[in-house]
């Protein structure tokens, strides 16, 4: 039990240390958790995010057909994706170019699967 507890704390520390926004989703695309970089970048709070569908948070800021399609492939076919470029105008943030990576983490059953979604804002690089 101590080893398991240490592993969980270790994983949480890694997620919080990373400067890019990270989100952990369940198989239904509900947000289980996100790191502080996510909350800061997208100007959201834990109460607005955790437990809600990704595409419903922040006035549906992530209700983007291309992103939904990519994430559905990840959940349905176990297709991870790397360097998925997404250009979008966010109501509160303006025009952004994001680079996204997603990896499906297997669980005991398909219902327990998780998706780790990393988001990098590359807007400045594209200007």
N, C-alpha and C. Protein backbone atom coordinates (compact mmCIF):
# COMPACT_ATOMS: atom_id res chain seq x y z
N UNK A 1 0.81 -1.20 0.00
CA UNK A 1 0.00 0.00 0.00
C UNK A 1 0.85 1.26 0.00
N UNK A 2 1.96 1.24 0.73
CA UNK A 2 2.84 2.41 0.75
C UNK A 2 3.45 2.66 -0.61
N UNK A 3 3.83 1.58 -1.31
CA UNK A 3 4.39 1.74 -2.65
C UNK A 3 3.37 2.35 -3.60
N UNK A 4 2.14 1.90 -3.51
CA UNK A 4 1.07 2.44 -4.35
C UNK A 4 0.83 3.92 -4.04
N UNK A 5 0.78 4.25 -2.78
CA UNK A 5 0.59 5.64 -2.38
C UNK A 5 1.72 6.52 -2.89
N UNK A 6 2.95 6.04 -2.77
CA UNK A 6 4.11 6.79 -3.27
C UNK A 6 4.04 6.97 -4.78
N UNK A 7 3.61 5.93 -5.48
CA UNK A 7 3.49 6.01 -6.94
C UNK A 7 2.46 7.05 -7.36
N UNK A 8 1.34 7.09 -6.67
CA UNK A 8 0.29 8.06 -6.98
C UNK A 8 0.80 9.47 -6.71
N UNK A 9 1.45 9.68 -5.58
CA UNK A 9 2.00 11.00 -5.25
C UNK A 9 3.06 11.42 -6.27
N UNK A 10 3.88 10.48 -6.68
CA UNK A 10 4.92 10.74 -7.68
C UNK A 10 4.29 11.18 -9.01
N UNK A 11 3.28 10.47 -9.45
CA UNK A 11 2.60 10.82 -10.70
C UNK A 11 1.95 12.19 -10.60
N UNK A 12 1.30 12.49 -9.49
CA UNK A 12 0.68 13.80 -9.30
C UNK A 12 1.72 14.91 -9.33
N UNK A 13 2.86 14.67 -8.72
CA UNK A 13 3.93 15.68 -8.70
C UNK A 13 4.44 15.96 -10.11
N UNK A 14 4.57 14.93 -10.92
CA UNK A 14 5.03 15.11 -12.30
C UNK A 14 4.03 15.95 -13.08
N UNK A 15 2.76 15.61 -12.98
CA UNK A 15 1.71 16.33 -13.71
C UNK A 15 1.70 17.81 -13.30
N UNK A 16 1.82 18.10 -12.02
CA UNK A 16 1.77 19.49 -11.56
C UNK A 16 3.04 20.27 -11.91
N UNK A 17 4.15 19.58 -12.07
CA UNK A 17 5.43 20.24 -12.37
C UNK A 17 5.53 20.66 -13.83
N UNK A 18 4.86 19.97 -14.70
CA UNK A 18 4.92 20.26 -16.13
C UNK A 18 4.28 21.61 -16.41
N UNK A 19 4.95 22.41 -17.22
CA UNK A 19 4.49 23.78 -17.49
C UNK A 19 3.37 23.85 -18.52
N UNK A 20 3.20 22.82 -19.32
CA UNK A 20 2.14 22.80 -20.31
C UNK A 20 0.86 22.26 -19.68
N UNK A 21 -0.27 22.73 -20.19
CA UNK A 21 -1.55 22.22 -19.70
C UNK A 21 -1.71 20.72 -19.97
N UNK A 22 -2.13 20.00 -18.95
CA UNK A 22 -2.42 18.57 -19.05
C UNK A 22 -3.80 18.30 -18.47
N UNK A 23 -4.52 17.40 -19.13
CA UNK A 23 -5.85 17.03 -18.70
C UNK A 23 -5.94 15.51 -18.74
N UNK A 24 -6.56 14.93 -17.73
CA UNK A 24 -6.83 13.50 -17.73
C UNK A 24 -8.33 13.32 -17.90
N UNK A 25 -8.71 12.59 -18.95
CA UNK A 25 -10.11 12.36 -19.30
C UNK A 25 -10.46 10.90 -19.08
N UNK A 26 -11.73 10.63 -18.81
CA UNK A 26 -12.17 9.23 -18.81
C UNK A 26 -12.62 8.87 -20.23
N UNK A 27 -13.09 7.66 -20.40
CA UNK A 27 -13.47 7.18 -21.74
C UNK A 27 -14.64 7.95 -22.34
N UNK A 28 -15.43 8.62 -21.50
CA UNK A 28 -16.56 9.43 -21.98
C UNK A 28 -16.18 10.88 -22.22
N UNK A 29 -14.89 11.19 -22.07
CA UNK A 29 -14.33 12.54 -22.23
C UNK A 29 -14.75 13.50 -21.12
N UNK A 30 -15.02 12.94 -19.94
CA UNK A 30 -15.20 13.76 -18.74
C UNK A 30 -13.81 14.02 -18.15
N UNK A 31 -13.62 15.20 -17.64
CA UNK A 31 -12.32 15.56 -17.06
C UNK A 31 -12.25 15.02 -15.64
N UNK A 32 -11.24 14.18 -15.42
CA UNK A 32 -11.00 13.64 -14.09
C UNK A 32 -10.15 14.61 -13.28
N UNK A 33 -9.14 15.15 -13.94
CA UNK A 33 -8.26 16.12 -13.30
C UNK A 33 -7.51 16.90 -14.37
N UNK A 34 -6.95 18.01 -13.95
CA UNK A 34 -6.13 18.83 -14.83
C UNK A 34 -5.04 19.47 -13.96
N UNK A 35 -3.97 19.91 -14.60
CA UNK A 35 -2.92 20.54 -13.80
C UNK A 35 -3.13 22.05 -13.71
N UNK A 36 -2.35 22.68 -12.85
CA UNK A 36 -2.49 24.13 -12.65
C UNK A 36 -2.22 24.90 -13.93
N UNK A 37 -1.32 24.42 -14.79
CA UNK A 37 -1.05 25.11 -16.05
C UNK A 37 -2.31 25.16 -16.91
N UNK A 38 -3.12 24.12 -16.88
CA UNK A 38 -4.38 24.12 -17.63
C UNK A 38 -5.32 25.20 -17.11
N UNK A 39 -5.48 25.23 -15.78
CA UNK A 39 -6.40 26.20 -15.19
C UNK A 39 -5.94 27.63 -15.47
N UNK A 40 -4.65 27.87 -15.38
CA UNK A 40 -4.11 29.21 -15.62
C UNK A 40 -4.24 29.61 -17.09
N UNK A 41 -3.84 28.72 -17.99
CA UNK A 41 -3.86 29.03 -19.41
C UNK A 41 -5.26 29.32 -19.92
N UNK A 42 -6.22 28.53 -19.50
CA UNK A 42 -7.58 28.65 -20.03
C UNK A 42 -8.53 29.40 -19.10
N UNK A 43 -7.96 29.97 -18.03
CA UNK A 43 -8.70 30.83 -17.10
C UNK A 43 -9.94 30.13 -16.54
N UNK A 44 -9.70 28.93 -16.02
CA UNK A 44 -10.78 28.13 -15.46
C UNK A 44 -10.42 27.71 -14.04
N UNK A 45 -11.41 27.23 -13.30
CA UNK A 45 -11.18 26.73 -11.95
C UNK A 45 -11.49 25.24 -11.89
N UNK A 46 -11.01 24.61 -10.86
CA UNK A 46 -11.28 23.17 -10.67
C UNK A 46 -12.78 22.90 -10.65
N UNK A 47 -13.53 23.76 -9.96
CA UNK A 47 -14.99 23.57 -9.86
C UNK A 47 -15.66 23.63 -11.23
N UNK A 48 -15.13 24.42 -12.14
CA UNK A 48 -15.70 24.55 -13.48
C UNK A 48 -15.31 23.38 -14.38
N UNK A 49 -14.25 22.66 -14.00
CA UNK A 49 -13.65 21.69 -14.90
C UNK A 49 -13.89 20.24 -14.48
N UNK A 50 -13.44 19.88 -13.31
CA UNK A 50 -13.43 18.47 -12.91
C UNK A 50 -14.83 17.88 -12.84
N UNK A 51 -14.98 16.73 -13.48
CA UNK A 51 -16.26 16.03 -13.52
C UNK A 51 -17.12 16.40 -14.71
N UNK A 52 -16.72 17.42 -15.44
CA UNK A 52 -17.50 17.88 -16.60
C UNK A 52 -16.89 17.37 -17.89
N UNK A 53 -17.70 17.34 -18.93
CA UNK A 53 -17.20 16.95 -20.24
C UNK A 53 -16.26 18.03 -20.77
N UNK A 54 -15.19 17.62 -21.41
CA UNK A 54 -14.23 18.55 -21.97
C UNK A 54 -14.90 19.57 -22.87
N UNK A 55 -15.83 19.11 -23.69
CA UNK A 55 -16.45 19.98 -24.68
C UNK A 55 -17.52 20.90 -24.08
N UNK A 56 -17.79 20.79 -22.78
CA UNK A 56 -18.79 21.65 -22.15
C UNK A 56 -18.18 22.75 -21.28
N UNK A 57 -16.92 22.63 -20.92
CA UNK A 57 -16.33 23.60 -19.99
C UNK A 57 -16.05 24.94 -20.67
N UNK A 58 -16.00 25.99 -19.85
CA UNK A 58 -15.64 27.31 -20.34
C UNK A 58 -16.48 27.78 -21.50
N UNK A 59 -17.79 27.76 -21.36
CA UNK A 59 -18.70 28.14 -22.46
C UNK A 59 -18.43 27.32 -23.71
N UNK A 60 -18.16 26.04 -23.52
CA UNK A 60 -17.93 25.09 -24.63
C UNK A 60 -16.71 25.44 -25.46
N UNK A 61 -15.68 25.98 -24.82
CA UNK A 61 -14.48 26.40 -25.56
C UNK A 61 -13.78 25.26 -26.29
N UNK A 62 -13.95 24.04 -25.81
CA UNK A 62 -13.32 22.90 -26.47
C UNK A 62 -14.29 22.06 -27.29
N UNK A 63 -15.45 22.61 -27.58
CA UNK A 63 -16.42 21.92 -28.43
C UNK A 63 -16.04 22.21 -29.88
N UNK A 64 -14.96 21.57 -30.30
CA UNK A 64 -14.35 21.78 -31.61
C UNK A 64 -14.42 20.45 -32.35
N UNK A 65 -15.11 20.40 -33.49
CA UNK A 65 -15.32 19.12 -34.18
C UNK A 65 -14.03 18.33 -34.46
N UNK A 66 -12.97 19.00 -34.87
CA UNK A 66 -11.71 18.28 -35.17
C UNK A 66 -11.14 17.64 -33.91
N UNK A 67 -11.22 18.33 -32.79
CA UNK A 67 -10.71 17.78 -31.53
C UNK A 67 -11.57 16.62 -31.07
N UNK A 68 -12.88 16.76 -31.16
CA UNK A 68 -13.78 15.67 -30.78
C UNK A 68 -13.49 14.41 -31.59
N UNK A 69 -13.29 14.60 -32.89
CA UNK A 69 -13.01 13.48 -33.78
C UNK A 69 -11.73 12.76 -33.37
N UNK A 70 -10.69 13.53 -33.11
CA UNK A 70 -9.41 12.93 -32.70
C UNK A 70 -9.56 12.17 -31.38
N UNK A 71 -10.25 12.74 -30.42
CA UNK A 71 -10.41 12.10 -29.12
C UNK A 71 -11.29 10.86 -29.21
N UNK A 72 -12.30 10.89 -30.06
CA UNK A 72 -13.15 9.70 -30.23
C UNK A 72 -12.36 8.54 -30.82
N UNK A 73 -11.45 8.84 -31.75
CA UNK A 73 -10.57 7.79 -32.30
C UNK A 73 -9.70 7.21 -31.20
N UNK A 74 -9.26 8.06 -30.30
CA UNK A 74 -8.41 7.60 -29.20
C UNK A 74 -9.18 6.68 -28.28
N UNK A 75 -10.42 7.02 -27.99
CA UNK A 75 -11.20 6.16 -27.09
C UNK A 75 -11.69 4.89 -27.78
N UNK A 76 -12.11 5.00 -29.02
CA UNK A 76 -12.71 3.86 -29.71
C UNK A 76 -11.69 2.88 -30.25
N UNK A 77 -10.63 3.41 -30.84
CA UNK A 77 -9.68 2.54 -31.54
C UNK A 77 -8.29 2.52 -30.92
N UNK A 78 -8.17 3.18 -29.80
CA UNK A 78 -6.88 3.23 -29.11
C UNK A 78 -5.83 3.95 -29.96
N UNK A 79 -6.27 4.86 -30.82
CA UNK A 79 -5.35 5.63 -31.66
C UNK A 79 -4.87 6.85 -30.88
N UNK A 80 -3.64 6.82 -30.44
CA UNK A 80 -3.05 7.98 -29.80
C UNK A 80 -2.74 8.99 -30.90
N UNK A 81 -2.59 10.23 -30.54
CA UNK A 81 -2.16 11.19 -31.56
C UNK A 81 -1.07 12.11 -31.01
N UNK A 82 -0.22 12.54 -31.93
CA UNK A 82 0.91 13.41 -31.62
C UNK A 82 0.90 14.59 -32.57
N UNK A 83 1.27 15.74 -32.06
CA UNK A 83 1.44 16.94 -32.87
C UNK A 83 0.21 17.27 -33.71
N UNK A 84 -0.95 17.18 -33.10
CA UNK A 84 -2.20 17.57 -33.75
C UNK A 84 -2.34 19.08 -33.60
N UNK A 85 -2.23 19.79 -34.71
CA UNK A 85 -2.30 21.25 -34.68
C UNK A 85 -3.75 21.70 -34.80
N UNK A 86 -4.13 22.56 -33.89
CA UNK A 86 -5.50 23.05 -33.83
C UNK A 86 -5.50 24.57 -33.79
N UNK A 87 -6.11 25.18 -34.79
CA UNK A 87 -6.27 26.63 -34.83
C UNK A 87 -7.71 26.93 -34.44
N UNK A 88 -7.86 27.82 -33.45
CA UNK A 88 -9.21 28.09 -32.96
C UNK A 88 -9.25 29.48 -32.32
N UNK A 89 -10.40 30.12 -32.43
CA UNK A 89 -10.62 31.39 -31.75
C UNK A 89 -11.40 31.11 -30.48
N UNK A 90 -10.77 31.34 -29.36
CA UNK A 90 -11.39 31.15 -28.06
C UNK A 90 -11.98 32.48 -27.60
N UNK A 91 -13.21 32.41 -27.10
CA UNK A 91 -13.93 33.61 -26.70
C UNK A 91 -13.11 34.48 -25.74
N UNK A 92 -12.53 33.89 -24.72
CA UNK A 92 -11.82 34.66 -23.70
C UNK A 92 -10.34 34.85 -24.01
N UNK A 93 -9.79 34.08 -24.95
CA UNK A 93 -8.35 34.08 -25.20
C UNK A 93 -7.95 34.61 -26.57
N UNK A 94 -8.89 34.67 -27.48
CA UNK A 94 -8.58 35.10 -28.84
C UNK A 94 -8.09 33.96 -29.71
N UNK A 95 -7.42 34.30 -30.79
CA UNK A 95 -6.91 33.30 -31.74
C UNK A 95 -5.73 32.56 -31.13
N UNK A 96 -5.80 31.24 -31.19
CA UNK A 96 -4.74 30.40 -30.65
C UNK A 96 -4.41 29.30 -31.64
N UNK A 97 -3.16 28.91 -31.62
CA UNK A 97 -2.72 27.72 -32.34
C UNK A 97 -2.19 26.79 -31.25
N UNK A 98 -2.82 25.63 -31.14
CA UNK A 98 -2.45 24.67 -30.11
C UNK A 98 -1.89 23.41 -30.75
N UNK A 99 -0.90 22.82 -30.10
CA UNK A 99 -0.35 21.53 -30.50
C UNK A 99 -0.78 20.55 -29.41
N UNK A 100 -1.49 19.50 -29.82
CA UNK A 100 -2.03 18.55 -28.85
C UNK A 100 -1.46 17.15 -29.05
N UNK A 101 -1.25 16.49 -27.94
CA UNK A 101 -0.86 15.09 -27.93
C UNK A 101 -1.81 14.37 -26.99
N UNK A 102 -2.25 13.18 -27.38
CA UNK A 102 -3.12 12.39 -26.51
C UNK A 102 -2.66 10.95 -26.51
N UNK A 103 -2.73 10.37 -25.32
CA UNK A 103 -2.37 8.96 -25.17
C UNK A 103 -3.41 8.27 -24.30
N UNK A 104 -3.87 7.15 -24.80
CA UNK A 104 -4.84 6.36 -24.04
C UNK A 104 -4.07 5.47 -23.08
N UNK A 105 -4.49 5.50 -21.83
CA UNK A 105 -3.89 4.65 -20.81
C UNK A 105 -4.91 3.58 -20.46
N UNK A 106 -4.55 2.35 -20.66
CA UNK A 106 -5.49 1.24 -20.44
C UNK A 106 -5.84 1.12 -18.97
N UNK A 107 -7.07 0.74 -18.73
CA UNK A 107 -7.53 0.45 -17.39
C UNK A 107 -7.94 -0.99 -17.31
N UNK A 108 -8.53 -1.38 -16.21
CA UNK A 108 -8.98 -2.76 -16.03
C UNK A 108 -10.03 -3.14 -17.07
N UNK A 109 -10.82 -2.17 -17.51
CA UNK A 109 -11.82 -2.39 -18.54
C UNK A 109 -11.84 -1.16 -19.43
N UNK A 110 -12.54 -1.23 -20.54
CA UNK A 110 -12.59 -0.07 -21.43
C UNK A 110 -13.23 1.13 -20.73
N UNK A 111 -14.11 0.90 -19.78
CA UNK A 111 -14.74 1.99 -19.03
C UNK A 111 -13.75 2.66 -18.09
N UNK A 112 -12.69 1.96 -17.71
CA UNK A 112 -11.69 2.50 -16.79
C UNK A 112 -10.54 3.17 -17.52
N UNK A 113 -10.54 3.13 -18.83
CA UNK A 113 -9.46 3.73 -19.61
C UNK A 113 -9.41 5.24 -19.36
N UNK A 114 -8.22 5.77 -19.48
CA UNK A 114 -7.99 7.19 -19.30
C UNK A 114 -7.27 7.73 -20.52
N UNK A 115 -7.47 9.01 -20.77
CA UNK A 115 -6.74 9.67 -21.85
C UNK A 115 -5.98 10.84 -21.24
N UNK A 116 -4.70 10.87 -21.49
CA UNK A 116 -3.88 11.99 -21.07
C UNK A 116 -3.75 12.92 -22.26
N UNK A 117 -4.22 14.16 -22.10
CA UNK A 117 -4.21 15.16 -23.17
C UNK A 117 -3.27 16.29 -22.78
N UNK A 118 -2.21 16.46 -23.57
CA UNK A 118 -1.24 17.54 -23.36
C UNK A 118 -1.49 18.62 -24.40
N UNK A 119 -1.48 19.86 -23.96
CA UNK A 119 -1.81 20.99 -24.83
C UNK A 119 -0.68 22.02 -24.75
N UNK A 120 -0.13 22.34 -25.89
CA UNK A 120 0.91 23.37 -25.94
C UNK A 120 0.43 24.52 -26.81
N UNK A 121 0.52 25.73 -26.29
CA UNK A 121 0.14 26.93 -27.05
C UNK A 121 1.35 27.34 -27.88
N UNK A 122 1.24 27.17 -29.20
CA UNK A 122 2.34 27.53 -30.10
C UNK A 122 2.01 28.78 -30.91
N UNK A 123 1.05 29.54 -30.46
CA UNK A 123 0.61 30.74 -31.18
C UNK A 123 1.77 31.68 -31.49
N UNK A 124 2.62 31.93 -30.53
CA UNK A 124 3.75 32.85 -30.74
C UNK A 124 4.70 32.34 -31.80
N UNK A 125 4.86 31.04 -31.87
CA UNK A 125 5.78 30.46 -32.86
C UNK A 125 5.25 30.59 -34.28
N UNK A 126 3.92 30.68 -34.40
CA UNK A 126 3.28 30.72 -35.71
C UNK A 126 3.11 32.15 -36.23
N UNK A 127 3.38 33.14 -35.38
CA UNK A 127 3.19 34.55 -35.78
C UNK A 127 4.30 35.04 -36.69
